Amino acid sequence: MHKTKITQIGHIVEDFAEEFLLVLFGPEAPPELRDICVIHENVTKPENVLRKNATLKIGQNKYRILEVGSDANANYESLGHISVYFRETENNEILPGAILVEPKVFPILELGDEITIE
């Protein structure tokens, strides 16, 4: 199991709720992206944790990972960065650094919330 903790929530993150998109980034997120990101700090080291049918838990919300982009694990391990789509995409095709999850429910986010993947 991988665990990380939310340390900052960009003030534009809520605007992405209607798009059912959440952008996660580690503490090294560039200043120009921080407003749109949820910044998190790893409690445990991620090693190939993003995989189909794994459980993603954000605060009290649980999701099943449906698809994993080809670069998602590498980006998450090196930068803490992934885009999480809480909606269906055309033919379930996603960007290389993204994951697709269900259900289609944008999470309620609070500082200090844990994010786990198992």
N, C-alpha and C. Protein backbone atom coordinates (compact mmCIF):
# COMPACT_ATOMS: atom_id res chain seq x y z
N MET A 1 0.84 -1.18 0.00
CA MET A 1 0.00 0.00 0.00
C MET A 1 0.88 1.25 0.00
N HIS A 2 0.46 2.24 -0.79
CA HIS A 2 1.15 3.52 -0.84
C HIS A 2 0.29 4.57 -0.14
N LYS A 3 0.96 5.46 0.59
CA LYS A 3 0.24 6.50 1.33
C LYS A 3 0.93 7.84 1.13
N THR A 4 0.11 8.89 0.96
CA THR A 4 0.60 10.25 0.83
C THR A 4 -0.39 11.16 1.55
N LYS A 5 0.03 12.40 1.82
CA LYS A 5 -0.81 13.32 2.58
C LYS A 5 -0.94 14.66 1.84
N ILE A 6 -2.16 15.19 1.81
CA ILE A 6 -2.41 16.49 1.16
C ILE A 6 -1.84 17.61 2.02
N THR A 7 -0.98 18.44 1.41
CA THR A 7 -0.36 19.54 2.14
C THR A 7 -0.81 20.91 1.64
N GLN A 8 -1.38 20.96 0.45
CA GLN A 8 -1.84 22.24 -0.11
C GLN A 8 -2.91 21.96 -1.16
N ILE A 9 -3.91 22.81 -1.20
CA ILE A 9 -4.97 22.70 -2.21
C ILE A 9 -5.03 24.02 -2.96
N GLY A 10 -4.69 23.99 -4.23
CA GLY A 10 -4.71 25.21 -5.05
C GLY A 10 -6.10 25.82 -5.11
N HIS A 11 -6.16 27.15 -5.18
CA HIS A 11 -7.47 27.82 -5.11
C HIS A 11 -8.33 27.61 -6.36
N ILE A 12 -7.77 27.06 -7.43
CA ILE A 12 -8.55 26.80 -8.64
C ILE A 12 -9.00 25.33 -8.72
N VAL A 13 -8.55 24.49 -7.80
CA VAL A 13 -8.89 23.06 -7.82
C VAL A 13 -10.40 22.85 -7.86
N GLU A 14 -11.14 23.61 -7.08
CA GLU A 14 -12.60 23.46 -7.05
C GLU A 14 -13.24 23.68 -8.42
N ASP A 15 -12.63 24.57 -9.23
CA ASP A 15 -13.17 24.82 -10.57
C ASP A 15 -13.11 23.59 -11.47
N PHE A 16 -12.20 22.68 -11.17
CA PHE A 16 -12.05 21.47 -11.96
C PHE A 16 -13.06 20.39 -11.55
N ALA A 17 -13.77 20.61 -10.44
CA ALA A 17 -14.76 19.63 -9.98
C ALA A 17 -15.84 19.40 -11.04
N GLU A 18 -16.26 20.47 -11.72
CA GLU A 18 -17.30 20.30 -12.75
C GLU A 18 -16.77 19.56 -13.97
N GLU A 19 -15.46 19.52 -14.12
CA GLU A 19 -14.83 18.75 -15.21
C GLU A 19 -14.47 17.33 -14.75
N PHE A 20 -14.66 17.06 -13.46
CA PHE A 20 -14.32 15.76 -12.87
C PHE A 20 -12.85 15.42 -13.13
N LEU A 21 -11.98 16.40 -12.85
CA LEU A 21 -10.55 16.26 -13.04
C LEU A 21 -9.82 16.78 -11.81
N LEU A 22 -8.88 15.98 -11.31
CA LEU A 22 -8.06 16.35 -10.17
C LEU A 22 -6.60 16.18 -10.57
N VAL A 23 -5.79 17.22 -10.34
CA VAL A 23 -4.37 17.17 -10.67
C VAL A 23 -3.58 17.08 -9.38
N LEU A 24 -2.83 16.00 -9.24
CA LEU A 24 -1.96 15.81 -8.07
C LEU A 24 -0.53 16.14 -8.46
N PHE A 25 0.21 16.73 -7.54
CA PHE A 25 1.62 17.03 -7.78
C PHE A 25 2.34 16.97 -6.44
N GLY A 26 3.58 16.53 -6.49
CA GLY A 26 4.42 16.49 -5.31
C GLY A 26 4.87 17.88 -4.90
N PRO A 27 5.67 17.97 -3.82
CA PRO A 27 6.11 19.27 -3.31
C PRO A 27 6.94 20.10 -4.28
N GLU A 28 7.49 19.46 -5.31
CA GLU A 28 8.32 20.17 -6.30
C GLU A 28 7.50 20.81 -7.41
N ALA A 29 6.19 20.88 -7.27
CA ALA A 29 5.33 21.45 -8.32
C ALA A 29 5.79 22.86 -8.65
N PRO A 30 5.87 23.18 -9.93
CA PRO A 30 6.25 24.53 -10.33
C PRO A 30 5.23 25.56 -9.82
N PRO A 31 5.68 26.75 -9.48
CA PRO A 31 4.77 27.79 -8.96
C PRO A 31 3.58 28.06 -9.88
N GLU A 32 3.79 28.03 -11.20
CA GLU A 32 2.71 28.34 -12.14
C GLU A 32 1.62 27.28 -12.17
N LEU A 33 1.86 26.09 -11.59
CA LEU A 33 0.86 25.02 -11.58
C LEU A 33 0.18 24.84 -10.22
N ARG A 34 0.72 25.43 -9.19
CA ARG A 34 0.21 25.19 -7.83
C ARG A 34 -1.25 25.56 -7.64
N ASP A 35 -1.74 26.56 -8.35
CA ASP A 35 -3.13 26.98 -8.19
C ASP A 35 -4.12 25.92 -8.65
N ILE A 36 -3.71 25.07 -9.59
CA ILE A 36 -4.63 24.06 -10.13
C ILE A 36 -4.41 22.67 -9.54
N CYS A 37 -3.44 22.56 -8.63
CA CYS A 37 -3.03 21.24 -8.13
C CYS A 37 -3.37 21.01 -6.66
N VAL A 38 -3.47 19.74 -6.34
CA VAL A 38 -3.44 19.29 -4.95
C VAL A 38 -2.00 18.84 -4.72
N ILE A 39 -1.32 19.52 -3.82
CA ILE A 39 0.06 19.19 -3.50
C ILE A 39 0.05 18.16 -2.38
N HIS A 40 0.86 17.14 -2.54
CA HIS A 40 0.90 16.07 -1.54
C HIS A 40 2.34 15.66 -1.27
N GLU A 41 2.54 15.08 -0.11
CA GLU A 41 3.87 14.61 0.28
C GLU A 41 3.78 13.13 0.63
N ASN A 42 4.67 12.35 0.04
CA ASN A 42 4.65 10.90 0.27
C ASN A 42 4.97 10.53 1.71
N VAL A 43 4.19 9.60 2.22
CA VAL A 43 4.48 8.97 3.51
C VAL A 43 5.26 7.69 3.24
N THR A 44 4.88 6.99 2.16
CA THR A 44 5.61 5.80 1.72
C THR A 44 6.02 6.02 0.26
N LYS A 45 7.06 5.33 -0.15
CA LYS A 45 7.57 5.49 -1.51
C LYS A 45 6.69 4.72 -2.50
N PRO A 46 6.25 5.42 -3.58
CA PRO A 46 5.44 4.72 -4.58
C PRO A 46 6.32 3.92 -5.53
N GLU A 47 5.95 2.69 -5.75
CA GLU A 47 6.67 1.85 -6.72
C GLU A 47 5.65 1.07 -7.53
N ASN A 48 5.37 1.57 -8.73
CA ASN A 48 4.44 0.91 -9.64
C ASN A 48 3.09 0.63 -8.98
N VAL A 49 2.57 1.62 -8.23
CA VAL A 49 1.33 1.43 -7.48
C VAL A 49 0.07 1.67 -8.30
N LEU A 50 0.20 2.40 -9.40
CA LEU A 50 -0.96 2.69 -10.23
C LEU A 50 -1.19 1.54 -11.19
N ARG A 51 -2.29 0.82 -10.97
CA ARG A 51 -2.60 -0.33 -11.82
C ARG A 51 -4.11 -0.52 -11.89
N LYS A 52 -4.57 -1.13 -12.96
CA LYS A 52 -6.00 -1.39 -13.13
C LYS A 52 -6.54 -2.18 -11.95
N ASN A 53 -7.74 -1.79 -11.54
CA ASN A 53 -8.50 -2.43 -10.46
C ASN A 53 -7.94 -2.17 -9.06
N ALA A 54 -6.88 -1.37 -8.94
CA ALA A 54 -6.40 -0.98 -7.61
C ALA A 54 -7.41 0.00 -7.01
N THR A 55 -7.35 0.16 -5.70
CA THR A 55 -8.23 1.08 -5.00
C THR A 55 -7.48 2.37 -4.68
N LEU A 56 -8.06 3.48 -5.08
CA LEU A 56 -7.55 4.81 -4.76
C LEU A 56 -8.49 5.40 -3.74
N LYS A 57 -7.95 5.82 -2.61
CA LYS A 57 -8.78 6.44 -1.58
C LYS A 57 -8.26 7.85 -1.36
N ILE A 58 -9.16 8.83 -1.47
CA ILE A 58 -8.83 10.23 -1.24
C ILE A 58 -9.73 10.71 -0.12
N GLY A 59 -9.14 10.94 1.05
CA GLY A 59 -9.96 11.28 2.21
C GLY A 59 -10.91 10.13 2.49
N GLN A 60 -12.21 10.41 2.46
CA GLN A 60 -13.22 9.37 2.71
C GLN A 60 -13.78 8.73 1.45
N ASN A 61 -13.33 9.20 0.28
CA ASN A 61 -13.84 8.69 -0.99
C ASN A 61 -12.98 7.54 -1.52
N LYS A 62 -13.64 6.46 -1.96
CA LYS A 62 -12.94 5.32 -2.55
C LYS A 62 -13.28 5.20 -4.02
N TYR A 63 -12.25 4.86 -4.81
CA TYR A 63 -12.39 4.73 -6.25
C TYR A 63 -11.69 3.47 -6.73
N ARG A 64 -12.16 2.95 -7.86
CA ARG A 64 -11.49 1.84 -8.52
C ARG A 64 -10.80 2.40 -9.75
N ILE A 65 -9.53 2.07 -9.93
CA ILE A 65 -8.78 2.53 -11.09
C ILE A 65 -9.16 1.68 -12.29
N LEU A 66 -9.66 2.33 -13.34
CA LEU A 66 -10.10 1.64 -14.55
C LEU A 66 -9.01 1.58 -15.60
N GLU A 67 -8.27 2.68 -15.76
CA GLU A 67 -7.21 2.76 -16.77
C GLU A 67 -6.03 3.53 -16.21
N VAL A 68 -4.84 3.17 -16.67
CA VAL A 68 -3.60 3.82 -16.24
C VAL A 68 -2.82 4.22 -17.49
N GLY A 69 -2.51 5.50 -17.62
CA GLY A 69 -1.74 5.99 -18.74
C GLY A 69 -0.33 5.41 -18.75
N SER A 70 0.27 5.36 -19.92
CA SER A 70 1.58 4.72 -20.09
C SER A 70 2.70 5.36 -19.28
N ASP A 71 2.59 6.65 -18.96
CA ASP A 71 3.63 7.33 -18.18
C ASP A 71 3.20 7.65 -16.75
N ALA A 72 2.01 7.21 -16.36
CA ALA A 72 1.46 7.60 -15.06
C ALA A 72 2.35 7.17 -13.89
N ASN A 73 2.78 5.92 -13.87
CA ASN A 73 3.61 5.46 -12.76
C ASN A 73 4.95 6.20 -12.70
N ALA A 74 5.59 6.37 -13.85
CA ALA A 74 6.89 7.07 -13.88
C ALA A 74 6.74 8.52 -13.40
N ASN A 75 5.70 9.22 -13.87
CA ASN A 75 5.46 10.60 -13.45
C ASN A 75 5.14 10.68 -11.96
N TYR A 76 4.34 9.74 -11.49
CA TYR A 76 3.95 9.75 -10.08
C TYR A 76 5.15 9.46 -9.18
N GLU A 77 5.97 8.51 -9.58
CA GLU A 77 7.15 8.16 -8.77
C GLU A 77 8.18 9.29 -8.74
N SER A 78 8.39 9.98 -9.86
CA SER A 78 9.43 11.00 -9.91
C SER A 78 8.95 12.39 -9.48
N LEU A 79 7.71 12.74 -9.79
CA LEU A 79 7.21 14.10 -9.52
C LEU A 79 5.98 14.14 -8.60
N GLY A 80 5.42 12.97 -8.31
CA GLY A 80 4.17 12.95 -7.55
C GLY A 80 3.01 13.46 -8.39
N HIS A 81 3.18 13.44 -9.71
CA HIS A 81 2.20 14.06 -10.61
C HIS A 81 1.38 13.04 -11.39
N ILE A 82 0.06 13.16 -11.26
CA ILE A 82 -0.88 12.45 -12.13
C ILE A 82 -2.14 13.30 -12.25
N SER A 83 -2.85 13.10 -13.33
CA SER A 83 -4.18 13.68 -13.49
C SER A 83 -5.17 12.54 -13.27
N VAL A 84 -6.16 12.79 -12.43
CA VAL A 84 -7.17 11.78 -12.11
C VAL A 84 -8.48 12.22 -12.74
N TYR A 85 -8.99 11.39 -13.64
CA TYR A 85 -10.27 11.66 -14.29
C TYR A 85 -11.35 10.82 -13.61
N PHE A 86 -12.39 11.50 -13.12
CA PHE A 86 -13.52 10.84 -12.47
C PHE A 86 -14.69 10.78 -13.45
N ARG A 87 -14.40 10.42 -14.68
CA ARG A 87 -15.43 10.37 -15.72
C ARG A 87 -14.95 9.48 -16.85
N GLU A 88 -15.88 9.09 -17.66
CA GLU A 88 -15.51 8.30 -18.82
C GLU A 88 -14.89 9.21 -19.86
N THR A 89 -13.94 8.67 -20.59
CA THR A 89 -13.34 9.41 -21.70
C THR A 89 -13.72 8.68 -22.98
N GLU A 90 -13.54 9.33 -24.09
CA GLU A 90 -13.86 8.69 -25.36
C GLU A 90 -13.04 7.43 -25.52
N ASN A 91 -13.70 6.31 -25.68
CA ASN A 91 -13.04 4.99 -25.81
C ASN A 91 -12.11 4.68 -24.64
N ASN A 92 -12.36 5.34 -23.49
CA ASN A 92 -11.53 5.18 -22.30
C ASN A 92 -10.06 5.47 -22.59
N GLU A 93 -9.79 6.30 -23.58
CA GLU A 93 -8.42 6.70 -23.88
C GLU A 93 -8.05 7.86 -22.97
N ILE A 94 -6.89 7.78 -22.37
CA ILE A 94 -6.46 8.81 -21.44
C ILE A 94 -5.06 9.27 -21.81
N LEU A 95 -4.70 10.43 -21.30
CA LEU A 95 -3.36 10.95 -21.52
C LEU A 95 -2.33 10.05 -20.84
N PRO A 96 -1.10 10.04 -21.33
CA PRO A 96 -0.08 9.16 -20.76
C PRO A 96 0.15 9.32 -19.26
N GLY A 97 -0.01 10.53 -18.72
CA GLY A 97 0.24 10.77 -17.30
C GLY A 97 -1.01 10.80 -16.45
N ALA A 98 -2.06 10.10 -16.89
CA ALA A 98 -3.35 10.17 -16.21
C ALA A 98 -3.85 8.79 -15.81
N ILE A 99 -4.85 8.81 -14.91
CA ILE A 99 -5.59 7.59 -14.58
C ILE A 99 -7.08 7.92 -14.67
N LEU A 100 -7.87 6.91 -14.93
CA LEU A 100 -9.32 7.01 -15.01
C LEU A 100 -9.89 6.17 -13.88
N VAL A 101 -10.79 6.76 -13.08
CA VAL A 101 -11.34 6.05 -11.93
C VAL A 101 -12.87 6.11 -11.95
N GLU A 102 -13.49 5.23 -11.18
CA GLU A 102 -14.92 5.28 -10.93
C GLU A 102 -15.13 5.12 -9.44
N PRO A 103 -16.20 5.67 -8.87
CA PRO A 103 -17.34 6.32 -9.50
C PRO A 103 -17.03 7.75 -9.91
N LYS A 104 -17.98 8.32 -10.64
CA LYS A 104 -17.86 9.69 -11.14
C LYS A 104 -18.30 10.65 -10.03
N VAL A 105 -17.46 10.75 -9.01
CA VAL A 105 -17.73 11.61 -7.85
C VAL A 105 -16.44 12.35 -7.51
N PHE A 106 -16.48 13.67 -7.60
CA PHE A 106 -15.31 14.47 -7.25
C PHE A 106 -15.17 14.47 -5.73
N PRO A 107 -13.97 14.22 -5.21
CA PRO A 107 -13.81 14.10 -3.76
C PRO A 107 -13.89 15.45 -3.03
N ILE A 108 -14.30 15.38 -1.78
CA ILE A 108 -14.20 16.53 -0.88
C ILE A 108 -12.77 16.51 -0.35
N LEU A 109 -12.06 17.61 -0.51
CA LEU A 109 -10.65 17.67 -0.17
C LEU A 109 -10.40 18.56 1.04
N GLU A 110 -9.55 18.08 1.94
CA GLU A 110 -9.16 18.88 3.10
C GLU A 110 -7.67 18.70 3.34
N LEU A 111 -7.03 19.77 3.81
CA LEU A 111 -5.61 19.68 4.16
C LEU A 111 -5.42 18.57 5.18
N GLY A 112 -4.37 17.79 5.00
CA GLY A 112 -4.07 16.70 5.91
C GLY A 112 -4.72 15.39 5.54
N ASP A 113 -5.66 15.39 4.60
CA ASP A 113 -6.28 14.14 4.16
C ASP A 113 -5.22 13.21 3.60
N GLU A 114 -5.43 11.93 3.82
CA GLU A 114 -4.54 10.92 3.24
C GLU A 114 -5.07 10.47 1.89
N ILE A 115 -4.13 10.15 1.02
CA ILE A 115 -4.43 9.51 -0.26
C ILE A 115 -3.72 8.18 -0.20
N THR A 116 -4.45 7.09 -0.42
CA THR A 116 -3.83 5.76 -0.42
C THR A 116 -4.15 5.05 -1.72
N ILE A 117 -3.23 4.18 -2.09
CA ILE A 117 -3.42 3.33 -3.27
C ILE A 117 -3.06 1.93 -2.86
N GLU A 118 -3.99 1.01 -3.05
CA GLU A 118 -3.70 -0.39 -2.74
C GLU A 118 -4.41 -1.32 -3.68
